[in-house]
Amino acid sequence: MATHYSRTDPSATGTRLPAEPRAPRPSPSPRPLASGRPRRINKAVVVCAAASVFALTALTAIAPLPGASFAGSTAPLEVQTLAVPGGVAAASVFRDDYTATSGVETLSKGSTNRDWAKLVLFLAGFPMSDSNVTVMMRWMRQENGPDDWWLRNNPLNNGWGSGGGSGLGSYDTLVTAAQNVGNALHGNPGYSAIVAGFASSAPTDQIEAAIWASPWATSHYANGAHWSYTPVPEYASPSGTWG
């Protein structure tokens, strides 16, 4: 073990002076950060922080509305309402008009004199307007009674393609008869005024006057004196007449 000896005063030989206390060593001052030097950032800390923010955002986005219920839950759903100010003008919506055109099958299922009148107009390429149908049904009544309008499957006593003169021939079905009425009207120039009237859905008196003046009936329906204007009752034809 080392022994510490104090200094000796030269003026007093052999006399031991007390040892001087040592001064404490100063603590080193903290080193200041160099200005302009970037701090190091822990990448792992940044990644974890970003992941936490993303998770919180996702949970907020999928969080259910207050009062919402899921499968198996008995909690009632809250009804959401939207209040529109009274001054807001309603939007106008425009749609194209459309109509459904009856075909041969549809009209055949009806099987009445009205259906056959529409079928003639349809096959002849005329509009199935109210005025056209009215004239056609009146015309049928003048040729055959309304309760047997299907006689010989030739409601208008048309001689075109029926195999009988003076319109006394017959057709196999009422559909064939309707086709031949259209063929006769378009095929004989003497019926051009009738065609023009039906094509334009002219007033009933105009079309009927064209029928009286045409060579369809040799009597010319007494120029309308034998023409009836009362409503025509509807009758269905017997089964099988439409084919």
Protein backbone atom coordinates (compact mmCIF):
# COMPACT_ATOMS: atom_id res chain seq x y z
CA MET A 1 0.00 0.00 0.00
CA ALA A 2 1.55 3.34 -1.00
CA THR A 3 2.20 5.89 1.74
CA HIS A 4 1.50 9.60 1.06
CA TYR A 5 3.94 12.04 2.49
CA SER A 6 3.37 15.75 2.78
CA ARG A 7 5.82 18.34 1.62
CA THR A 8 8.53 19.50 4.12
CA ASP A 9 9.06 23.15 4.98
CA PRO A 10 12.71 23.99 4.16
CA SER A 11 12.92 26.42 7.04
CA ALA A 12 11.96 23.78 9.56
CA THR A 13 13.93 20.67 8.98
CA GLY A 14 12.22 17.52 10.14
CA THR A 15 8.86 19.20 10.67
CA ARG A 16 5.99 17.65 8.72
CA LEU A 17 3.50 20.03 7.21
CA PRO A 18 -0.12 19.06 6.80
CA ALA A 19 -1.04 17.77 3.36
CA GLU A 20 -2.80 20.23 1.03
CA PRO A 21 -6.24 19.13 -0.05
CA ARG A 22 -6.61 18.31 -3.74
CA ALA A 23 -8.82 20.52 -5.82
CA PRO A 24 -11.81 18.69 -7.29
CA ARG A 25 -11.62 17.90 -11.02
CA PRO A 26 -14.11 19.96 -12.96
CA SER A 27 -16.93 18.04 -14.66
CA PRO A 28 -16.85 18.22 -18.44
CA SER A 29 -19.48 20.61 -19.82
CA PRO A 30 -22.04 19.14 -22.21
CA ARG A 31 -20.96 19.22 -25.83
CA PRO A 32 -23.18 21.54 -27.82
CA LEU A 33 -24.72 20.20 -31.01
CA ALA A 34 -23.05 21.44 -34.10
CA SER A 35 -25.34 23.86 -35.87
CA GLY A 36 -26.68 22.64 -39.22
CA ARG A 37 -26.02 18.98 -38.48
CA PRO A 38 -29.22 16.90 -39.16
CA ARG A 39 -30.45 14.69 -36.43
CA ARG A 40 -30.66 11.01 -37.11
CA ILE A 41 -34.26 9.69 -37.30
CA ASN A 42 -35.05 6.15 -36.39
CA LYS A 43 -36.71 4.64 -39.48
CA ALA A 44 -38.41 1.94 -37.48
CA VAL A 45 -40.19 4.56 -35.37
CA VAL A 46 -41.45 6.38 -38.50
CA VAL A 47 -42.78 3.16 -40.04
CA CYS A 48 -44.63 2.23 -36.88
CA ALA A 49 -46.15 5.71 -36.60
CA ALA A 50 -47.37 5.63 -40.21
CA ALA A 51 -48.92 2.20 -39.72
CA SER A 52 -50.76 3.42 -36.65
CA VAL A 53 -52.20 6.41 -38.52
CA PHE A 54 -53.37 4.17 -41.42
CA ALA A 55 -55.03 1.74 -39.01
CA LEU A 56 -56.89 4.55 -37.24
CA THR A 57 -58.04 5.99 -40.59
CA ALA A 58 -59.31 2.59 -41.79
CA LEU A 59 -61.21 2.00 -38.60
CA THR A 60 -62.83 5.44 -38.90
CA ALA A 61 -63.84 4.80 -42.53
CA ILE A 62 -65.59 1.52 -41.81
CA ALA A 63 -67.13 2.56 -38.56
CA PRO A 64 -70.92 2.03 -38.72
CA LEU A 65 -73.34 4.90 -38.51
CA PRO A 66 -74.99 5.45 -35.15
CA GLY A 67 -77.98 3.18 -34.76
CA ALA A 68 -77.02 0.87 -37.66
CA SER A 69 -77.77 -2.79 -37.17
CA PHE A 70 -76.16 -5.86 -38.67
CA ALA A 71 -77.32 -9.38 -39.35
CA GLY A 72 -78.67 -10.92 -36.21
CA SER A 73 -78.93 -7.56 -34.43
CA THR A 74 -82.25 -6.27 -33.13
CA ALA A 75 -81.18 -2.63 -33.02
CA PRO A 76 -83.37 -0.51 -35.33
CA LEU A 77 -81.89 1.34 -38.29
CA GLU A 78 -82.04 5.09 -38.25
CA VAL A 79 -83.88 6.61 -41.22
CA GLN A 80 -81.82 9.21 -43.04
CA THR A 81 -83.70 12.16 -44.47
CA LEU A 82 -82.73 14.89 -46.91
CA ALA A 83 -84.28 18.32 -46.63
CA VAL A 84 -84.59 20.24 -49.91
CA PRO A 85 -85.14 23.99 -49.77
CA GLY A 86 -88.53 25.10 -51.05
CA GLY A 87 -86.97 27.42 -53.64
CA VAL A 88 -85.28 24.60 -55.56
CA ALA A 89 -86.98 24.06 -58.93
CA ALA A 90 -87.91 20.51 -59.87
CA ALA A 91 -85.91 19.01 -62.72
CA SER A 92 -87.80 18.26 -65.92
CA VAL A 93 -87.39 14.75 -67.32
CA PHE A 94 -88.16 14.09 -70.98
CA ARG A 95 -88.79 10.58 -72.26
CA ASP A 96 -89.43 9.38 -75.77
CA ASP A 97 -92.96 8.22 -76.43
CA TYR A 98 -93.48 4.60 -77.39
CA THR A 99 -96.39 2.50 -78.50
CA ALA A 100 -96.98 -1.22 -78.76
CA THR A 101 -98.27 -2.48 -82.08
CA SER A 102 -100.59 -5.48 -82.06
CA GLY A 103 -99.45 -8.33 -84.25
CA VAL A 104 -101.30 -11.15 -86.00
CA GLU A 105 -101.02 -13.48 -83.00
CA THR A 106 -102.30 -10.89 -80.52
CA LEU A 107 -105.25 -9.87 -82.68
CA SER A 108 -106.11 -13.48 -83.49
CA LYS A 109 -106.41 -14.31 -79.79
CA GLY A 110 -109.08 -11.60 -79.46
CA SER A 111 -111.19 -13.14 -82.27
CA THR A 112 -113.79 -10.34 -82.40
CA ASN A 113 -114.93 -8.20 -85.31
CA ARG A 114 -112.97 -5.30 -83.81
CA ASP A 115 -109.84 -7.46 -83.77
CA TRP A 116 -110.35 -8.40 -87.42
CA ALA A 117 -110.85 -4.74 -88.41
CA LYS A 118 -107.52 -3.92 -86.72
CA LEU A 119 -105.87 -6.88 -88.43
CA VAL A 120 -106.91 -5.61 -91.88
CA LEU A 121 -105.47 -2.19 -91.08
CA PHE A 122 -102.31 -3.72 -89.67
CA LEU A 123 -101.64 -5.98 -92.66
CA ALA A 124 -102.51 -3.22 -95.14
CA GLY A 125 -100.06 -0.83 -93.48
CA PHE A 126 -102.70 1.62 -92.21
CA PRO A 127 -102.80 3.21 -88.74
CA MET A 128 -105.04 1.41 -86.26
CA SER A 129 -106.63 4.71 -85.25
CA ASP A 130 -110.12 5.06 -83.79
CA SER A 131 -111.52 6.59 -86.97
CA ASN A 132 -110.07 3.83 -89.15
CA VAL A 133 -111.36 1.05 -86.90
CA THR A 134 -114.82 2.67 -86.74
CA VAL A 135 -115.12 2.86 -90.54
CA MET A 136 -113.88 -0.72 -90.97
CA MET A 137 -116.42 -2.11 -88.49
CA ARG A 138 -119.27 -0.16 -90.10
CA TRP A 139 -118.17 -1.45 -93.49
CA MET A 140 -118.16 -5.04 -92.21
CA ARG A 141 -121.70 -4.60 -90.84
CA GLN A 142 -122.93 -3.41 -94.26
CA GLU A 143 -121.56 -6.56 -95.91
CA ASN A 144 -122.52 -9.07 -93.23
CA GLY A 145 -124.51 -8.71 -90.02
CA PRO A 146 -122.49 -8.02 -86.87
CA ASP A 147 -123.51 -11.33 -85.32
CA ASP A 148 -122.23 -13.36 -88.28
CA TRP A 149 -119.51 -11.08 -89.58
CA TRP A 150 -117.19 -14.08 -90.14
CA LEU A 151 -119.53 -15.62 -92.79
CA ARG A 152 -117.49 -17.77 -95.24
CA ASN A 153 -114.41 -16.31 -93.57
CA ASN A 154 -115.02 -13.33 -95.86
CA PRO A 155 -116.26 -10.41 -93.69
CA LEU A 156 -116.14 -7.79 -96.49
CA ASN A 157 -117.32 -10.13 -99.27
CA ASN A 158 -114.08 -9.55 -101.10
CA GLY A 159 -113.73 -11.26 -104.46
CA TRP A 160 -109.92 -10.80 -104.53
CA GLY A 161 -108.42 -14.28 -104.16
CA SER A 162 -111.59 -15.82 -102.73
CA GLY A 163 -112.44 -17.90 -105.79
CA GLY A 164 -115.96 -16.57 -106.11
CA GLY A 165 -117.43 -13.79 -108.24
CA SER A 166 -119.27 -10.81 -106.75
CA GLY A 167 -117.51 -11.41 -103.43
CA LEU A 168 -119.29 -14.67 -102.73
CA GLY A 169 -116.10 -16.68 -102.39
CA SER A 170 -114.53 -17.87 -99.16
CA TYR A 171 -111.11 -18.06 -97.50
CA ASP A 172 -109.52 -20.78 -95.44
CA THR A 173 -109.05 -18.47 -92.42
CA LEU A 174 -109.92 -14.96 -91.35
CA VAL A 175 -106.19 -14.10 -91.42
CA THR A 176 -106.06 -14.97 -95.13
CA ALA A 177 -109.18 -12.86 -95.68
CA ALA A 178 -107.54 -9.86 -93.98
CA GLN A 179 -104.44 -10.23 -96.15
CA ASN A 180 -106.55 -10.25 -99.32
CA VAL A 181 -108.49 -7.13 -98.34
CA GLY A 182 -105.18 -5.28 -98.11
CA ASN A 183 -104.06 -6.71 -101.45
CA ALA A 184 -107.32 -5.65 -103.10
CA LEU A 185 -107.22 -2.10 -101.75
CA HIS A 186 -103.63 -1.55 -102.86
CA GLY A 187 -104.00 -3.50 -106.11
CA ASN A 188 -107.03 -1.77 -107.67
CA PRO A 189 -106.66 1.92 -108.70
CA GLY A 190 -110.38 2.37 -108.12
CA TYR A 191 -109.72 2.09 -104.38
CA SER A 192 -106.98 4.77 -104.25
CA ALA A 193 -109.22 7.27 -102.41
CA ILE A 194 -110.00 4.64 -99.77
CA VAL A 195 -106.29 3.92 -99.36
CA ALA A 196 -105.50 7.62 -99.00
CA GLY A 197 -108.21 8.05 -96.37
CA PHE A 198 -107.07 5.11 -94.25
CA ALA A 199 -103.40 6.05 -94.64
CA SER A 200 -104.01 9.54 -93.23
CA SER A 201 -106.61 8.51 -90.62
CA ALA A 202 -108.99 10.93 -92.27
CA PRO A 203 -112.37 11.75 -90.72
CA THR A 204 -114.84 8.88 -90.95
CA ASP A 205 -117.19 10.64 -93.37
CA GLN A 206 -114.33 11.21 -95.83
CA ILE A 207 -113.29 7.55 -95.88
CA GLU A 208 -116.89 6.34 -96.06
CA ALA A 209 -117.64 8.64 -99.01
CA ALA A 210 -114.61 7.13 -100.80
CA ILE A 211 -115.98 3.61 -100.16
CA TRP A 212 -119.41 4.52 -101.59
CA ALA A 213 -117.88 6.05 -104.71
CA SER A 214 -115.56 3.08 -105.33
CA PRO A 215 -116.39 -0.07 -107.35
CA TRP A 216 -116.29 -2.24 -104.18
CA ALA A 217 -120.08 -2.62 -104.17
CA THR A 218 -122.19 -2.31 -107.29
CA SER A 219 -124.94 -0.71 -105.23
CA HIS A 220 -122.49 1.91 -103.90
CA TYR A 221 -124.44 1.52 -100.66
CA ALA A 222 -127.04 3.90 -102.12
CA ASN A 223 -124.42 6.64 -101.76
CA GLY A 224 -124.63 6.27 -98.01
CA ALA A 225 -128.39 6.00 -97.70
CA HIS A 226 -128.02 2.39 -96.52
CA TRP A 227 -125.12 3.19 -94.21
CA SER A 228 -125.62 2.82 -90.47
CA TYR A 229 -123.82 5.01 -87.95
CA THR A 230 -124.90 3.38 -84.71
CA PRO A 231 -122.16 1.76 -82.60
CA VAL A 232 -121.27 -1.72 -83.85
CA PRO A 233 -121.51 -4.42 -81.14
CA GLU A 234 -118.58 -6.78 -80.80
CA TYR A 235 -118.93 -10.48 -81.47
CA ALA A 236 -116.36 -13.24 -81.33
CA SER A 237 -116.08 -15.63 -84.23
CA PRO A 238 -116.32 -19.42 -83.74
CA SER A 239 -113.26 -21.45 -82.83
CA GLY A 240 -111.02 -22.32 -85.75
CA THR A 241 -112.02 -19.43 -88.00
CA TRP A 242 -108.71 -17.65 -87.40
CA GLY A 243 -106.66 -20.70 -88.34
